[in-house]
Amino acid sequence: MPGVCPRARNSDYDKKTECTSDATCPDNQKCCAEGYGRVCKPPIQPGKFVVMH
């Protein structure tokens, strides 16, 4: 899948695992490490910034 995983937030340290690889995520999402688990997230393009409030 093109793109990269967004950076994990400090509050995202749960142990849930909803994917094992990008192929197990819906809608071209990425399987991203989040704390102690892995979750599906929409990819961002390398070099682009995401503003979080």
PDB file of N, CA and C in Angstrom:
ATOM      1  N   MET A   1       0.836  -1.179   0.000  1.00  0.00           N
ATOM      2  CA  MET A   1       0.000   0.000   0.000  1.00  0.00           C
ATOM      3  C   MET A   1       0.887   1.250   0.000  1.00  0.00           C
ATOM      4  N   PRO A   2       0.550   2.246  -0.767  1.00  0.00           N
ATOM      5  CA  PRO A   2       1.342   3.476  -0.762  1.00  0.00           C
ATOM      6  C   PRO A   2       1.112   4.266   0.520  1.00  0.00           C
ATOM      7  N   GLY A   3       2.054   5.128   0.842  1.00  0.00           N
ATOM      8  CA  GLY A   3       1.946   5.945   2.041  1.00  0.00           C
ATOM      9  C   GLY A   3       2.565   5.264   3.245  1.00  0.00           C
ATOM     10  N   VAL A   4       2.543   5.974   4.350  1.00  0.00           N
ATOM     11  CA  VAL A   4       3.120   5.469   5.596  1.00  0.00           C
ATOM     12  C   VAL A   4       2.113   5.641   6.724  1.00  0.00           C
ATOM     13  N   CYS A   5       2.369   4.970   7.829  1.00  0.00           N
ATOM     14  CA  CYS A   5       1.501   5.093   9.000  1.00  0.00           C
ATOM     15  C   CYS A   5       1.679   6.468   9.638  1.00  0.00           C
ATOM     16  N   PRO A   6       0.579   7.066  10.108  1.00  0.00           N
ATOM     17  CA  PRO A   6       0.722   8.302  10.875  1.00  0.00           C
ATOM     18  C   PRO A   6       1.417   8.008  12.196  1.00  0.00           C
ATOM     19  N   ARG A   7       2.043   9.006  12.765  1.00  0.00           N
ATOM     20  CA  ARG A   7       2.738   8.831  14.036  1.00  0.00           C
ATOM     21  C   ARG A   7       1.735   8.532  15.150  1.00  0.00           C
ATOM     22  N   ALA A   8       2.066   7.588  15.992  1.00  0.00           N
ATOM     23  CA  ALA A   8       1.182   7.222  17.104  1.00  0.00           C
ATOM     24  C   ALA A   8       1.189   8.331  18.148  1.00  0.00           C
ATOM     25  N   ARG A   9       0.021   8.586  18.716  1.00  0.00           N
ATOM     26  CA  ARG A   9      -0.078   9.557  19.811  1.00  0.00           C
ATOM     27  C   ARG A   9       0.256   8.858  21.120  1.00  0.00           C
ATOM     28  N   ASN A  10       0.726   9.605  22.096  1.00  0.00           N
ATOM     29  CA  ASN A  10       1.089   9.025  23.394  1.00  0.00           C
ATOM     30  C   ASN A  10      -0.086   8.331  24.066  1.00  0.00           C
ATOM     31  N   SER A  11      -1.297   8.771  23.787  1.00  0.00           N
ATOM     32  CA  SER A  11      -2.473   8.187  24.439  1.00  0.00           C
ATOM     33  C   SER A  11      -2.925   6.889  23.773  1.00  0.00           C
ATOM     34  N   ASP A  12      -2.249   6.480  22.701  1.00  0.00           N
ATOM     35  CA  ASP A  12      -2.671   5.299  21.952  1.00  0.00           C
ATOM     36  C   ASP A  12      -1.977   4.020  22.418  1.00  0.00           C
ATOM     37  N   TYR A  13      -1.720   3.892  23.696  1.00  0.00           N
ATOM     38  CA  TYR A  13      -0.965   2.733  24.165  1.00  0.00           C
ATOM     39  C   TYR A  13      -1.858   1.642  24.738  1.00  0.00           C
ATOM     40  N   ASP A  14      -2.810   1.167  23.933  1.00  0.00           N
ATOM     41  CA  ASP A  14      -3.584   0.016  24.369  1.00  0.00           C
ATOM     42  C   ASP A  14      -3.032  -1.240  23.710  1.00  0.00           C
ATOM     43  N   LYS A  15      -3.621  -2.360  24.050  1.00  0.00           N
ATOM     44  CA  LYS A  15      -3.091  -3.641  23.574  1.00  0.00           C
ATOM     45  C   LYS A  15      -3.952  -4.263  22.490  1.00  0.00           C
ATOM     46  N   LYS A  16      -4.854  -3.493  21.880  1.00  0.00           N
ATOM     47  CA  LYS A  16      -5.721  -4.088  20.869  1.00  0.00           C
ATOM     48  C   LYS A  16      -4.959  -4.352  19.576  1.00  0.00           C
ATOM     49  N   THR A  17      -5.303  -5.441  18.938  1.00  0.00           N
ATOM     50  CA  THR A  17      -4.723  -5.782  17.647  1.00  0.00           C
ATOM     51  C   THR A  17      -5.866  -6.109  16.703  1.00  0.00           C
ATOM     52  N   GLU A  18      -6.020  -5.300  15.660  1.00  0.00           N
ATOM     53  CA  GLU A  18      -7.092  -5.548  14.697  1.00  0.00           C
ATOM     54  C   GLU A  18      -6.555  -5.929  13.322  1.00  0.00           C
ATOM     55  N   CYS A  19      -5.221  -6.001  13.166  1.00  0.00           N
ATOM     56  CA  CYS A  19      -4.658  -6.393  11.876  1.00  0.00           C
ATOM     57  C   CYS A  19      -3.290  -7.038  12.084  1.00  0.00           C
ATOM     58  N   THR A  20      -2.860  -7.749  11.061  1.00  0.00           N
ATOM     59  CA  THR A  20      -1.533  -8.368  11.094  1.00  0.00           C
ATOM     60  C   THR A  20      -0.658  -7.873   9.950  1.00  0.00           C
ATOM     61  N   SER A  21      -1.287  -7.310   8.908  1.00  0.00           N
ATOM     62  CA  SER A  21      -0.558  -6.747   7.767  1.00  0.00           C
ATOM     63  C   SER A  21      -1.483  -5.780   7.040  1.00  0.00           C
ATOM     64  N   ASP A  22      -0.944  -4.992   6.112  1.00  0.00           N
ATOM     65  CA  ASP A  22      -1.768  -4.064   5.336  1.00  0.00           C
ATOM     66  C   ASP A  22      -2.892  -4.798   4.604  1.00  0.00           C
ATOM     67  N   ALA A  23      -2.627  -6.021   4.173  1.00  0.00           N
ATOM     68  CA  ALA A  23      -3.617  -6.794   3.419  1.00  0.00           C
ATOM     69  C   ALA A  23      -4.854  -7.127   4.247  1.00  0.00           C
ATOM     70  N   THR A  24      -4.749  -7.089   5.571  1.00  0.00           N
ATOM     71  CA  THR A  24      -5.893  -7.407   6.426  1.00  0.00           C
ATOM     72  C   THR A  24      -6.699  -6.168   6.805  1.00  0.00           C
ATOM     73  N   CYS A  25      -6.309  -4.999   6.299  1.00  0.00           N
ATOM     74  CA  CYS A  25      -7.025  -3.749   6.572  1.00  0.00           C
ATOM     75  C   CYS A  25      -7.952  -3.399   5.406  1.00  0.00           C
ATOM     76  N   PRO A  26      -9.115  -2.785   5.701  1.00  0.00           N
ATOM     77  CA  PRO A  26     -10.037  -2.392   4.632  1.00  0.00           C
ATOM     78  C   PRO A  26      -9.599  -1.095   3.948  1.00  0.00           C
ATOM     79  N   ASP A  27     -10.111  -0.874   2.759  1.00  0.00           N
ATOM     80  CA  ASP A  27      -9.991   0.414   2.058  1.00  0.00           C
ATOM     81  C   ASP A  27      -8.564   0.936   1.928  1.00  0.00           C
ATOM     82  N   ASN A  28      -7.610   0.086   1.616  1.00  0.00           N
ATOM     83  CA  ASN A  28      -6.210   0.499   1.412  1.00  0.00           C
ATOM     84  C   ASN A  28      -5.581   1.157   2.635  1.00  0.00           C
ATOM     85  N   GLN A  29      -6.076   0.826   3.828  1.00  0.00           N
ATOM     86  CA  GLN A  29      -5.475   1.359   5.040  1.00  0.00           C
ATOM     87  C   GLN A  29      -4.188   0.609   5.354  1.00  0.00           C
ATOM     88  N   LYS A  30      -3.380   1.186   6.244  1.00  0.00           N
ATOM     89  CA  LYS A  30      -2.120   0.580   6.675  1.00  0.00           C
ATOM     90  C   LYS A  30      -2.319  -0.075   8.033  1.00  0.00           C
ATOM     91  N   CYS A  31      -1.616  -1.178   8.271  1.00  0.00           N
ATOM     92  CA  CYS A  31      -1.607  -1.839   9.571  1.00  0.00           C
ATOM     93  C   CYS A  31      -0.463  -1.206  10.367  1.00  0.00           C
ATOM     94  N   CYS A  32      -0.807  -0.379  11.339  1.00  0.00           N
ATOM     95  CA  CYS A  32       0.175   0.449  12.039  1.00  0.00           C
ATOM     96  C   CYS A  32       0.359   0.017  13.492  1.00  0.00           C
ATOM     97  N   ALA A  33       1.590   0.088  13.965  1.00  0.00           N
ATOM     98  CA  ALA A  33       1.880  -0.196  15.369  1.00  0.00           C
ATOM     99  C   ALA A  33       1.306   0.928  16.216  1.00  0.00           C
ATOM    100  N   GLU A  34       0.553   0.556  17.240  1.00  0.00           N
ATOM    101  CA  GLU A  34      -0.036   1.515  18.176  1.00  0.00           C
ATOM    102  C   GLU A  34       0.170   0.973  19.573  1.00  0.00           C
ATOM    103  N   GLY A  35       1.137   1.478  20.270  1.00  0.00           N
ATOM    104  CA  GLY A  35       1.402   0.982  21.611  1.00  0.00           C
ATOM    105  C   GLY A  35       1.847  -0.461  21.562  1.00  0.00           C
ATOM    106  N   TYR A  36       1.038  -1.350  22.132  1.00  0.00           N
ATOM    107  CA  TYR A  36       1.386  -2.765  22.193  1.00  0.00           C
ATOM    108  C   TYR A  36       0.592  -3.597  21.201  1.00  0.00           C
ATOM    109  N   GLY A  37      -0.157  -2.959  20.319  1.00  0.00           N
ATOM    110  CA  GLY A  37      -0.967  -3.672  19.343  1.00  0.00           C
ATOM    111  C   GLY A  37      -0.780  -3.096  17.951  1.00  0.00           C
ATOM    112  N   ARG A  38      -1.658  -3.469  17.037  1.00  0.00           N
ATOM    113  CA  ARG A  38      -1.629  -2.984  15.658  1.00  0.00           C
ATOM    114  C   ARG A  38      -3.059  -2.654  15.246  1.00  0.00           C
ATOM    115  N   VAL A  39      -3.253  -1.496  14.602  1.00  0.00           N
ATOM    116  CA  VAL A  39      -4.572  -1.061  14.165  1.00  0.00           C
ATOM    117  C   VAL A  39      -4.507  -0.547  12.729  1.00  0.00           C
ATOM    118  N   CYS A  40      -5.651  -0.581  12.042  1.00  0.00           N
ATOM    119  CA  CYS A  40      -5.749  -0.067  10.676  1.00  0.00           C
ATOM    120  C   CYS A  40      -5.961   1.444  10.713  1.00  0.00           C
ATOM    121  N   LYS A  41      -5.183   2.160   9.908  1.00  0.00           N
ATOM    122  CA  LYS A  41      -5.298   3.617   9.831  1.00  0.00           C
ATOM    123  C   LYS A  41      -5.113   4.063   8.392  1.00  0.00           C
ATOM    124  N   PRO A  42      -5.742   5.173   8.003  1.00  0.00           N
ATOM    125  CA  PRO A  42      -5.504   5.706   6.665  1.00  0.00           C
ATOM    126  C   PRO A  42      -4.046   6.152   6.550  1.00  0.00           C
ATOM    127  N   PRO A  43      -3.394   5.870   5.422  1.00  0.00           N
ATOM    128  CA  PRO A  43      -1.985   6.254   5.274  1.00  0.00           C
ATOM    129  C   PRO A  43      -1.829   7.747   5.018  1.00  0.00           C
ATOM    130  N   ILE A  44      -0.657   8.258   5.332  1.00  0.00           N
ATOM    131  CA  ILE A  44      -0.293   9.621   4.952  1.00  0.00           C
ATOM    132  C   ILE A  44       0.866   9.509   3.970  1.00  0.00           C
ATOM    133  N   GLN A  45       1.075  10.532   3.184  1.00  0.00           N
ATOM    134  CA  GLN A  45       2.174  10.528   2.227  1.00  0.00           C
ATOM    135  C   GLN A  45       3.453  10.955   2.939  1.00  0.00           C
ATOM    136  N   PRO A  46       4.578  10.317   2.646  1.00  0.00           N
ATOM    137  CA  PRO A  46       5.848  10.697   3.286  1.00  0.00           C
ATOM    138  C   PRO A  46       6.138  12.175   3.064  1.00  0.00           C
ATOM    139  N   GLY A  47       6.594  12.839   4.117  1.00  0.00           N
ATOM    140  CA  GLY A  47       6.937  14.252   4.017  1.00  0.00           C
ATOM    141  C   GLY A  47       5.775  15.185   4.272  1.00  0.00           C
ATOM    142  N   LYS A  48       4.564  14.664   4.402  1.00  0.00           N
ATOM    143  CA  LYS A  48       3.401  15.501   4.690  1.00  0.00           C
ATOM    144  C   LYS A  48       3.165  15.493   6.196  1.00  0.00           C
ATOM    145  N   PHE A  49       2.674  16.597   6.700  1.00  0.00           N
ATOM    146  CA  PHE A  49       2.425  16.718   8.130  1.00  0.00           C
ATOM    147  C   PHE A  49       0.937  16.649   8.402  1.00  0.00           C
ATOM    148  N   VAL A  50       0.593  16.037   9.516  1.00  0.00           N
ATOM    149  CA  VAL A  50      -0.790  15.979   9.965  1.00  0.00           C
ATOM    150  C   VAL A  50      -0.882  16.822  11.221  1.00  0.00           C
ATOM    151  N   VAL A  51      -1.796  17.796  11.220  1.00  0.00           N
ATOM    152  CA  VAL A  51      -1.963  18.673  12.375  1.00  0.00           C
ATOM    153  C   VAL A  51      -2.950  18.027  13.328  1.00  0.00           C
ATOM    154  N   MET A  52      -2.522  17.826  14.581  1.00  0.00           N
ATOM    155  CA  MET A  52      -3.398  17.254  15.608  1.00  0.00           C
ATOM    156  C   MET A  52      -3.588  18.294  16.699  1.00  0.00           C
ATOM    157  N   HIS A  53      -4.824  18.436  17.131  1.00  0.00           N
ATOM    158  CA  HIS A  53      -5.126  19.408  18.194  1.00  0.00           C
ATOM    159  C   HIS A  53      -5.374  18.703  19.489  1.00  0.00           C
TER     160      HIS A  53
END
